């Protein structure tokens, strides 16, 4: 691991890479895992994560709290999070600006919110509940978007910033999601970056996406199944130039490369972070 405290380039750790990681201990600064993969208590998965924790700081990234839903928060889910946080002592804990359940039925996707005052008030209340239950600050990640509600009245970056200001939570700024949403919905991704207060951003995500062609035109799909594209790297460079260096995770969830290839991708993030540090 690097000795430079300000350079934090990490990877999203997925199950197939764990044996290789524990054997080779590659040069990455941070590991991020999906929290729900380690629920249940005991077993080889949590044992391996505890072992990895000896060599690397851990970030826990949740996908199942359904913060934007009007369903009651899951007490059992929060209890599992509390247990995992006590055991792993992560440096960061994050969730999504989304919802995924109705009447207790969960969907296999992170669905978008309407950006209205009513939704903002509801989401802030939910974040307060979670932070009180976990007794710690969490980060909220911006989504990848494929549609816009007609009755949304607040730009996403203002909505996300307002959550942070009202609740004390931080922002996990996914640069790939900003780019995907901008292309799909027709806004300038640079405006998103310029309008997001850097002091609220505590982590960056980077990942790959796919372009799908439909009869009505192209759409970019955030699938985490390929390297980070040049346009996203350029937007990342603008982000750290404006906001400073932040822990940065390379996400890769489908068509997994070798661990070495994933680590190589994180080295590109390290290059940008080091260049920003030297310039500062």
Protein backbone atom coordinates (compact mmCIF):
# COMPACT_ATOMS: atom_id res chain seq x y z
CA UNK A 1 0.00 0.00 0.00
CA UNK A 2 1.12 3.52 -0.67
CA UNK A 3 2.57 5.53 2.19
CA UNK A 4 1.16 8.79 0.86
CA UNK A 5 -1.90 9.55 2.96
CA UNK A 6 -3.44 11.86 0.36
CA UNK A 7 -3.31 9.34 -2.49
CA UNK A 8 -6.17 6.86 -2.06
CA UNK A 9 -6.87 4.74 -5.14
CA UNK A 10 -8.89 1.61 -4.51
CA UNK A 11 -10.99 -1.11 -6.08
CA UNK A 12 -14.41 -2.61 -5.58
CA UNK A 13 -13.61 -6.07 -4.28
CA UNK A 14 -15.78 -8.87 -5.72
CA UNK A 15 -15.92 -12.50 -4.62
CA UNK A 16 -13.90 -14.09 -7.46
CA UNK A 17 -10.96 -11.78 -6.74
CA UNK A 18 -10.74 -12.44 -2.99
CA UNK A 19 -8.42 -15.51 -3.05
CA UNK A 20 -5.97 -13.78 -5.40
CA UNK A 21 -6.07 -10.57 -3.34
CA UNK A 22 -5.35 -12.36 -0.06
CA UNK A 23 -2.46 -14.21 -1.69
CA UNK A 24 -0.81 -11.36 -3.61
CA UNK A 25 -1.76 -8.26 -1.54
CA UNK A 26 -1.67 -5.89 -4.55
CA UNK A 27 -0.76 -2.22 -4.31
CA UNK A 28 -4.14 -0.61 -3.72
CA UNK A 29 -4.98 1.79 -0.91
CA UNK A 30 -8.60 0.89 -0.23
CA UNK A 31 -11.14 -1.89 -0.79
CA UNK A 32 -14.86 -1.31 -1.18
CA UNK A 33 -17.41 -4.11 -0.81
CA UNK A 34 -21.17 -4.34 -1.08
CA UNK A 35 -22.37 -4.50 2.51
CA UNK A 36 -25.18 -6.98 1.89
CA UNK A 37 -22.73 -9.64 0.65
CA UNK A 38 -21.47 -9.94 4.23
CA UNK A 39 -24.75 -10.07 6.11
CA UNK A 40 -25.72 -13.16 8.06
CA UNK A 41 -22.82 -13.37 10.50
CA UNK A 42 -20.03 -15.94 10.23
CA UNK A 43 -18.85 -18.01 7.29
CA UNK A 44 -15.92 -17.76 4.87
CA UNK A 45 -17.08 -14.49 3.25
CA UNK A 46 -16.85 -12.43 6.44
CA UNK A 47 -13.75 -14.32 7.55
CA UNK A 48 -12.00 -13.33 4.30
CA UNK A 49 -13.11 -9.71 4.70
CA UNK A 50 -11.75 -9.62 8.25
CA UNK A 51 -8.46 -10.97 6.90
CA UNK A 52 -8.38 -8.37 4.12
CA UNK A 53 -9.07 -5.70 6.73
CA UNK A 54 -5.67 -6.43 8.28
CA UNK A 55 -3.94 -5.09 5.15
CA UNK A 56 -6.44 -2.62 3.72
CA UNK A 57 -8.97 -0.07 4.98
CA UNK A 58 -12.51 -1.00 3.96
CA UNK A 59 -15.39 1.06 2.57
CA UNK A 60 -18.90 -0.43 2.90
CA UNK A 61 -21.23 0.35 0.00
CA UNK A 62 -24.87 -0.57 0.54
CA UNK A 63 -27.46 -1.28 -2.15
CA UNK A 64 -30.46 -2.49 -0.15
CA UNK A 65 -31.73 0.14 2.30
CA UNK A 66 -34.18 1.62 -0.24
CA UNK A 67 -33.80 5.05 1.32
CA UNK A 68 -36.20 6.77 -1.06
CA UNK A 69 -39.05 4.33 -0.48
CA UNK A 70 -42.07 5.13 1.70
CA UNK A 71 -41.83 1.63 3.19
CA UNK A 72 -40.56 1.61 6.76
CA UNK A 73 -36.82 1.18 7.06
CA UNK A 74 -35.87 -2.44 7.58
CA UNK A 75 -34.87 -2.92 11.23
CA UNK A 76 -33.18 -6.22 10.41
CA UNK A 77 -31.16 -4.58 7.61
CA UNK A 78 -29.99 -1.82 9.94
CA UNK A 79 -29.09 -4.39 12.61
CA UNK A 80 -26.96 -6.29 10.08
CA UNK A 81 -25.27 -3.03 9.10
CA UNK A 82 -24.54 -2.23 12.74
CA UNK A 83 -22.97 -5.66 13.26
CA UNK A 84 -20.85 -5.38 10.11
CA UNK A 85 -19.66 -1.88 10.99
CA UNK A 86 -18.61 -3.04 14.46
CA UNK A 87 -16.71 -5.99 13.02
CA UNK A 88 -15.00 -4.26 10.08
CA UNK A 89 -14.65 -0.67 11.34
CA UNK A 90 -14.93 0.79 7.81
CA UNK A 91 -13.53 4.20 6.96
CA UNK A 92 -16.60 4.99 4.81
CA UNK A 93 -20.22 3.82 4.68
CA UNK A 94 -22.44 4.71 1.72
CA UNK A 95 -25.85 4.20 0.14
CA UNK A 96 -27.76 5.41 -2.93
CA UNK A 97 -30.05 8.27 -3.89
CA UNK A 98 -32.77 5.84 -4.97
CA UNK A 99 -35.59 3.56 -3.90
CA UNK A 100 -36.17 -0.14 -4.55
CA UNK A 101 -39.22 -1.37 -2.62
CA UNK A 102 -43.01 -0.98 -2.48
CA UNK A 103 -45.13 -2.63 0.22
CA UNK A 104 -42.22 -4.84 1.21
CA UNK A 105 -41.60 -6.10 -2.31
CA UNK A 106 -38.02 -5.43 -3.44
CA UNK A 107 -36.96 -4.85 -7.04
CA UNK A 108 -33.58 -5.74 -8.45
CA UNK A 109 -32.74 -2.17 -9.35
CA UNK A 110 -31.99 1.26 -7.90
CA UNK A 111 -34.95 3.33 -9.05
CA UNK A 112 -34.94 7.14 -9.46
CA UNK A 113 -36.66 9.69 -7.26
CA UNK A 114 -38.65 12.72 -8.38
CA UNK A 115 -36.61 15.74 -7.38
CA UNK A 116 -39.24 17.72 -5.46
CA UNK A 117 -39.35 19.36 -2.03
CA UNK A 118 -41.61 16.58 -0.76
CA UNK A 119 -39.16 13.89 -1.86
CA UNK A 120 -36.24 15.89 -0.46
CA UNK A 121 -37.87 16.19 2.96
CA UNK A 122 -38.67 12.47 2.99
CA UNK A 123 -35.19 11.43 1.92
CA UNK A 124 -33.51 13.67 4.50
CA UNK A 125 -35.69 12.17 7.23
CA UNK A 126 -34.60 8.69 6.15
CA UNK A 127 -30.93 9.63 6.14
CA UNK A 128 -31.32 11.08 9.65
CA UNK A 129 -32.89 7.80 10.79
CA UNK A 130 -30.04 5.73 9.37
CA UNK A 131 -27.28 7.97 10.72
CA UNK A 132 -28.90 7.91 14.17
CA UNK A 133 -29.20 4.11 14.06
CA UNK A 134 -25.62 3.58 12.88
CA UNK A 135 -24.22 6.44 14.98
CA UNK A 136 -22.10 7.65 12.10
CA UNK A 137 -22.15 9.78 8.96
CA UNK A 138 -23.02 8.05 5.71
CA UNK A 139 -22.41 9.06 2.10
CA UNK A 140 -25.13 9.24 -0.55
CA UNK A 141 -24.29 8.33 -4.15
CA UNK A 142 -25.79 10.02 -7.20
CA UNK A 143 -27.61 7.59 -9.53
CA UNK A 144 -27.27 6.84 -13.21
CA UNK A 145 -30.47 8.14 -14.84
CA UNK A 146 -32.45 7.03 -17.87
CA UNK A 147 -35.54 9.19 -17.46
CA UNK A 148 -36.56 12.47 -15.86
CA UNK A 149 -39.83 12.98 -13.97
CA UNK A 150 -41.88 15.78 -15.51
CA UNK A 151 -42.70 17.19 -12.09
CA UNK A 152 -39.09 17.30 -10.83
CA UNK A 153 -38.29 20.88 -9.90
CA UNK A 154 -34.77 20.62 -8.43
CA UNK A 155 -31.58 19.81 -10.39
CA UNK A 156 -30.03 16.59 -9.13
CA UNK A 157 -26.83 18.26 -7.92
CA UNK A 158 -28.88 20.74 -5.84
CA UNK A 159 -31.01 17.89 -4.45
CA UNK A 160 -27.92 15.92 -3.45
CA UNK A 161 -26.24 18.97 -1.95
CA UNK A 162 -29.36 19.84 0.04
CA UNK A 163 -29.41 16.33 1.54
CA UNK A 164 -25.82 16.78 2.66
CA UNK A 165 -26.43 20.24 4.10
CA UNK A 166 -29.59 19.27 5.97
CA UNK A 167 -28.43 15.92 7.38
CA UNK A 168 -24.65 16.27 7.68
CA UNK A 169 -24.22 13.29 5.35
CA UNK A 170 -21.53 13.30 2.69
CA UNK A 171 -21.66 12.80 -1.06
CA UNK A 172 -20.25 9.83 -2.92
CA UNK A 173 -19.84 11.36 -6.37
CA UNK A 174 -19.94 8.73 -9.09
CA UNK A 175 -18.28 10.38 -12.08
CA UNK A 176 -19.43 7.70 -14.51
CA UNK A 177 -23.03 8.17 -13.33
CA UNK A 178 -22.78 11.92 -13.87
CA UNK A 179 -21.57 11.34 -17.43
CA UNK A 180 -24.14 8.63 -18.21
CA UNK A 181 -27.01 10.75 -16.88
CA UNK A 182 -25.79 13.84 -18.74
CA UNK A 183 -25.67 11.98 -22.05
CA UNK A 184 -29.05 10.33 -21.52
CA UNK A 185 -30.91 13.40 -20.27
CA UNK A 186 -29.12 16.11 -22.23
CA UNK A 187 -27.36 18.27 -19.64
CA UNK A 188 -23.74 19.39 -19.34
CA UNK A 189 -21.77 17.09 -16.99
CA UNK A 190 -19.30 19.89 -16.30
CA UNK A 191 -22.15 21.97 -14.84
CA UNK A 192 -22.91 19.13 -12.42
CA UNK A 193 -19.28 19.09 -11.27
CA UNK A 194 -19.04 22.88 -11.07
CA UNK A 195 -22.27 23.07 -9.03
CA UNK A 196 -21.46 20.38 -6.45
CA UNK A 197 -19.67 21.75 -3.35
CA UNK A 198 -16.39 19.91 -3.02
CA UNK A 199 -16.44 20.05 0.78
CA UNK A 200 -19.47 17.74 0.78
CA UNK A 201 -17.81 15.13 -1.49
CA UNK A 202 -15.92 12.43 0.43
CA UNK A 203 -15.47 9.71 -2.20
CA UNK A 204 -15.42 9.23 -5.98
CA UNK A 205 -16.57 6.23 -7.99
CA UNK A 206 -15.39 5.39 -11.50
CA UNK A 207 -16.66 2.61 -13.74
CA UNK A 208 -17.50 1.58 -17.26
CA UNK A 209 -20.73 1.86 -19.22
CA UNK A 210 -22.22 0.53 -22.45
CA UNK A 211 -23.90 2.36 -25.33
CA UNK A 212 -27.14 0.71 -26.47
CA UNK A 213 -28.88 1.68 -29.71
CA UNK A 214 -32.67 1.78 -29.80
CA UNK A 215 -35.13 2.91 -32.52
CA UNK A 216 -35.39 6.31 -30.82
CA UNK A 217 -31.63 6.75 -30.43
CA UNK A 218 -28.73 5.83 -28.16
CA UNK A 219 -28.72 5.31 -24.42
CA UNK A 220 -25.79 4.80 -22.10
CA UNK A 221 -26.19 1.99 -19.56
CA UNK A 222 -24.21 2.02 -16.33
CA UNK A 223 -23.21 -1.67 -16.25
CA UNK A 224 -19.72 -1.66 -14.67
CA UNK A 225 -18.59 -4.19 -17.26
CA UNK A 226 -15.72 -2.40 -19.02
CA UNK A 227 -12.83 0.01 -18.44
CA UNK A 228 -13.45 3.67 -17.63
CA UNK A 229 -13.82 5.59 -20.90
CA UNK A 230 -11.71 8.61 -21.85
CA UNK A 231 -14.57 11.09 -21.40
CA UNK A 232 -15.14 9.91 -17.81
CA UNK A 233 -11.42 10.16 -17.03
CA UNK A 234 -11.50 13.73 -18.34
CA UNK A 235 -14.49 14.54 -16.14
CA UNK A 236 -12.70 12.93 -13.18
CA UNK A 237 -9.69 15.16 -13.82
CA UNK A 238 -11.97 18.22 -13.75
CA UNK A 239 -13.56 16.97 -10.53
CA UNK A 240 -10.35 16.54 -8.59
CA UNK A 241 -8.96 19.80 -9.99
CA UNK A 242 -11.95 21.58 -8.46
CA UNK A 243 -12.66 19.46 -5.36
CA UNK A 244 -9.26 18.05 -4.45
CA UNK A 245 -8.20 14.46 -4.00
CA UNK A 246 -10.77 12.05 -2.54
CA UNK A 247 -10.74 8.29 -2.03
CA UNK A 248 -11.50 6.84 -5.45
CA UNK A 249 -12.92 3.39 -6.20
CA UNK A 250 -12.90 1.55 -9.51
CA UNK A 251 -16.17 -0.40 -9.80
CA UNK A 252 -16.33 -3.49 -12.01
CA UNK A 253 -19.26 -5.86 -11.46
CA UNK A 254 -19.84 -7.82 -14.68
CA UNK A 255 -17.53 -9.51 -17.18
CA UNK A 256 -14.90 -9.29 -14.47
CA UNK A 257 -11.28 -8.79 -15.53
CA UNK A 258 -8.38 -10.38 -13.70
CA UNK A 259 -7.43 -8.79 -10.40
CA UNK A 260 -4.27 -7.49 -12.08
CA UNK A 261 -6.27 -5.70 -14.76
CA UNK A 262 -8.53 -4.14 -12.11
CA UNK A 263 -5.51 -2.97 -10.11
CA UNK A 264 -4.02 -1.51 -13.31
CA UNK A 265 -7.23 0.51 -13.78
CA UNK A 266 -6.85 1.87 -10.25
CA UNK A 267 -3.30 2.93 -11.11
CA UNK A 268 -4.77 5.36 -13.66
CA UNK A 269 -6.83 6.90 -10.88
CA UNK A 270 -3.67 7.09 -8.77
CA UNK A 271 -1.92 8.92 -11.62
CA UNK A 272 -4.63 11.62 -11.68
CA UNK A 273 -4.62 11.90 -7.87
CA UNK A 274 -0.84 12.22 -7.70
CA UNK A 275 -0.83 14.79 -10.49
CA UNK A 276 -3.42 16.85 -8.62
CA UNK A 277 -1.38 16.61 -5.41
CA UNK A 278 1.81 17.79 -7.15
CA UNK A 279 -0.07 20.67 -8.81
CA UNK A 280 -1.45 21.73 -5.42
